C-alpha atoms as a PDB file:
ATOM      1  CA  MET A   1     -11.304  12.109   3.909  1.00  0.00           C
ATOM      2  CA  THR A   2      -7.540  12.511   4.253  1.00  0.00           C
ATOM      3  CA  PRO A   3      -6.133  10.362   7.056  1.00  0.00           C
ATOM      4  CA  ASN A   4      -4.461  12.144   9.968  1.00  0.00           C
ATOM      5  CA  LEU A   5      -1.201  10.227   9.611  1.00  0.00           C
ATOM      6  CA  SER A   6       2.252  11.199   8.389  1.00  0.00           C
ATOM      7  CA  TYR A   7       4.610   9.295   6.108  1.00  0.00           C
ATOM      8  CA  GLN A   8       8.269   9.364   5.140  1.00  0.00           C
ATOM      9  CA  PRO A   9       9.033   8.112   1.610  1.00  0.00           C
ATOM     10  CA  VAL A  10      12.661   7.103   1.119  1.00  0.00           C
ATOM     11  CA  LEU A  11      12.461   5.877  -2.493  1.00  0.00           C
ATOM     12  CA  ARG A  12       9.902   6.327  -5.284  1.00  0.00           C
ATOM     13  CA  LEU A  13       9.574   4.630  -8.658  1.00  0.00           C
ATOM     14  CA  THR A  14       7.390   5.849 -11.503  1.00  0.00           C
ATOM     15  CA  ILE A  15       5.275   3.440 -13.557  1.00  0.00           C
ATOM     16  CA  LYS A  16       2.296   3.680 -15.906  1.00  0.00           C
ATOM     17  CA  ALA A  17      -1.027   2.960 -14.221  1.00  0.00           C
ATOM     18  CA  ALA A  18      -2.721   0.016 -15.973  1.00  0.00           C
ATOM     19  CA  GLU A  19      -6.048   0.910 -14.340  1.00  0.00           C
ATOM     20  CA  ASP A  20      -7.468   3.761 -12.276  1.00  0.00           C
ATOM     21  CA  ILE A  21      -5.475   3.870  -9.038  1.00  0.00           C
ATOM     22  CA  PRO A  22      -6.988   5.567  -5.962  1.00  0.00           C
ATOM     23  CA  ALA A  23      -4.765   7.234  -3.375  1.00  0.00           C
ATOM     24  CA  TYR A  24      -3.318   5.134  -0.533  1.00  0.00           C
ATOM     25  CA  ARG A  25      -3.482   1.788  -2.350  1.00  0.00           C
ATOM     26  CA  LEU A  26      -0.998  -1.032  -2.838  1.00  0.00           C
ATOM     27  CA  VAL A  27       0.090  -1.313  -6.497  1.00  0.00           C
ATOM     28  CA  ASP A  28       1.809  -4.260  -8.186  1.00  0.00           C
ATOM     29  CA  PHE A  29       4.700  -4.329 -10.658  1.00  0.00           C
ATOM     30  CA  THR A  30       2.356  -4.151 -13.684  1.00  0.00           C
ATOM     31  CA  GLY A  31       0.539  -0.980 -12.580  1.00  0.00           C
ATOM     32  CA  HIS A  32      -2.569  -2.749 -11.272  1.00  0.00           C
ATOM     33  CA  LEU A  33      -3.993  -2.692  -7.773  1.00  0.00           C
ATOM     34  CA  SER A  34      -2.334  -5.531  -5.855  1.00  0.00           C
ATOM     35  CA  THR A  35      -4.466  -8.645  -5.628  1.00  0.00           C
ATOM     36  CA  THR A  36      -4.973 -10.989  -2.705  1.00  0.00           C
ATOM     37  CA  ASN A  37      -1.568 -11.966  -1.369  1.00  0.00           C
ATOM     38  CA  GLY A  38       0.058 -10.628  -4.566  1.00  0.00           C
ATOM     39  CA  ASN A  39       3.370  -8.845  -4.845  1.00  0.00           C
ATOM     40  CA  ILE A  40       3.460  -5.094  -4.376  1.00  0.00           C
ATOM     41  CA  LEU A  41       5.788  -2.568  -5.944  1.00  0.00           C
ATOM     42  CA  GLY A  42       4.649   0.347  -3.822  1.00  0.00           C
ATOM     43  CA  VAL A  43       1.920   2.610  -2.508  1.00  0.00           C
ATOM     44  CA  SER A  44       0.062   5.416  -4.282  1.00  0.00           C
ATOM     45  CA  ASP A  45      -0.233   8.625  -2.282  1.00  0.00           C
ATOM     46  CA  TYR A  46      -2.368  10.354  -4.913  1.00  0.00           C
ATOM     47  CA  PRO A  47      -4.866   9.046  -7.503  1.00  0.00           C
ATOM     48  CA  ALA A  48      -3.990   8.320 -11.142  1.00  0.00           C
ATOM     49  CA  LEU A  49      -6.114   7.363 -14.140  1.00  0.00           C
ATOM     50  CA  ALA A  50      -5.332   4.371 -16.359  1.00  0.00           C
ATOM     51  CA  GLY A  51      -2.479   5.263 -18.725  1.00  0.00           C
ATOM     52  CA  GLU A  52      -1.075   8.046 -16.542  1.00  0.00           C
ATOM     53  CA  LEU A  53       2.327   7.912 -14.903  1.00  0.00           C
ATOM     54  CA  ILE A  54       2.287   7.518 -11.128  1.00  0.00           C
ATOM     55  CA  SER A  55       5.148   7.796  -8.669  1.00  0.00           C
ATOM     56  CA  LEU A  56       4.857   5.071  -6.013  1.00  0.00           C
ATOM     57  CA  ILE A  57       6.416   4.991  -2.573  1.00  0.00           C
ATOM     58  CA  VAL A  58       8.503   1.798  -2.670  1.00  0.00           C
ATOM     59  CA  LEU A  59      10.618   2.217   0.444  1.00  0.00           C
ATOM     60  CA  GLY A  60      10.012   4.036   3.706  1.00  0.00           C
ATOM     61  CA  THR A  61       6.679   4.616   5.389  1.00  0.00           C
ATOM     62  CA  ALA A  62       3.393   5.171   3.561  1.00  0.00           C
ATOM     63  CA  ILE A  63      -0.258   5.691   4.417  1.00  0.00           C
ATOM     64  CA  VAL A  64      -2.316   2.728   3.189  1.00  0.00           C
ATOM     65  CA  SER A  65      -6.071   2.210   3.023  1.00  0.00           C
ATOM     66  CA  THR A  66      -7.080  -0.857   5.046  1.00  0.00           C
ATOM     67  CA  SER A  67      -9.861  -3.399   4.555  1.00  0.00           C
ATOM     68  CA  SER A  68      -9.723  -4.730   8.116  1.00  0.00           C
ATOM     69  CA  THR A  69      -8.775  -3.526  11.559  1.00  0.00           C
ATOM     70  CA  LEU A  70      -4.992  -3.420  11.867  1.00  0.00           C
ATOM     71  CA  ASN A  71      -2.918  -2.864  14.988  1.00  0.00           C
ATOM     72  CA  VAL A  72       0.616  -1.617  15.508  1.00  0.00           C
ATOM     73  CA  GLY A  73       3.032  -4.471  14.758  1.00  0.00           C
ATOM     74  CA  ASP A  74       0.718  -6.389  12.421  1.00  0.00           C
ATOM     75  CA  GLY A  75       2.233  -7.625   9.162  1.00  0.00           C
ATOM     76  CA  ILE A  76       0.251  -6.685   6.048  1.00  0.00           C
ATOM     77  CA  ILE A  77      -0.515  -8.155   2.650  1.00  0.00           C
ATOM     78  CA  PRO A  78      -2.803  -6.808  -0.094  1.00  0.00           C
ATOM     79  CA  ASP A  79      -6.433  -7.809  -0.330  1.00  0.00           C
ATOM     80  CA  GLY A  80      -8.204  -8.051  -3.695  1.00  0.00           C
ATOM     81  CA  THR A  81      -8.667  -4.245  -3.991  1.00  0.00           C
ATOM     82  CA  GLY A  82      -5.195  -2.922  -3.258  1.00  0.00           C
ATOM     83  CA  GLN A  83      -5.996  -2.290   0.398  1.00  0.00           C
ATOM     84  CA  ALA A  84      -3.932  -3.688   3.260  1.00  0.00           C
ATOM     85  CA  THR A  85      -5.157  -6.580   5.355  1.00  0.00           C
ATOM     86  CA  MET A  86      -3.464  -8.503   8.153  1.00  0.00           C
ATOM     87  CA  ALA A  87      -1.050 -11.228   7.081  1.00  0.00           C
ATOM     88  CA  SER A  88      -1.573 -14.708   8.489  1.00  0.00           C
ATOM     89  CA  LEU A  89       1.226 -16.762  10.017  1.00  0.00           C
ATOM     90  CA  SER A  90       1.769 -18.558   6.681  1.00  0.00           C
ATOM     91  CA  ASP A  91       2.071 -15.285   4.676  1.00  0.00           C
ATOM     92  CA  THR A  92       5.242 -13.308   4.045  1.00  0.00           C
ATOM     93  CA  PRO A  93       4.216  -9.713   4.860  1.00  0.00           C
ATOM     94  CA  ASP A  94       4.946  -6.726   2.611  1.00  0.00           C
ATOM     95  CA  GLY A  95       5.118  -4.298   5.527  1.00  0.00           C
ATOM     96  CA  THR A  96       4.433  -3.683   9.190  1.00  0.00           C
ATOM     97  CA  VAL A  97       1.842  -1.366  10.752  1.00  0.00           C
ATOM     98  CA  ILE A  98       3.548   1.396  12.740  1.00  0.00           C
ATOM     99  CA  ASN A  99       0.529   3.655  13.308  1.00  0.00           C
ATOM    100  CA  SER A 100      -3.180   2.842  13.050  1.00  0.00           C
ATOM    101  CA  SER A 101      -6.309   4.901  12.514  1.00  0.00           C
ATOM    102  CA  VAL A 102      -9.805   4.185  11.246  1.00  0.00           C
ATOM    103  CA  ASN A 103      -9.660   2.892   7.627  1.00  0.00           C
ATOM    104  CA  TYR A 104      -5.968   3.801   7.196  1.00  0.00           C
ATOM    105  CA  SER A 105      -2.632   2.743   8.683  1.00  0.00           C
ATOM    106  CA  GLU A 106       0.900   4.005   8.397  1.00  0.00           C
ATOM    107  CA  ILE A 107       2.947   1.105   7.060  1.00  0.00           C
ATOM    108  CA  LEU A 108       6.701   0.505   7.055  1.00  0.00           C
ATOM    109  CA  LEU A 109       7.286  -1.031   3.611  1.00  0.00           C
ATOM    110  CA  TYR A 110       9.715  -3.767   2.712  1.00  0.00           C
ATOM    111  CA  HIS A 111       9.947  -6.213  -0.150  1.00  0.00           C
ATOM    112  CA  LYS A 112       9.777  -9.965   0.072  1.00  0.00           C
END
């Protein structure tokens, strides 16, 4: 189901997907889904198959699939499946939740 959230991409970068990438997932610099507390390049807003080019949202706001309940103001990091989860106090977040809904959040992206 498509989340009822909006997003405002400011900058996109295109990379080759190293694996199948679902929509609304955090993707790393090598084209894989971001792993637990790994670095992210951007967010997919449409699915791509392994080997296809995908344009990622790297700056601005993006809709991200979540693996835990997130609230407005929470910092996020990737979990092991490319979904967003809440950052702990010892983590450096990759973004901040600016709008929440069930299973998805609108995230303001920034790079560590």
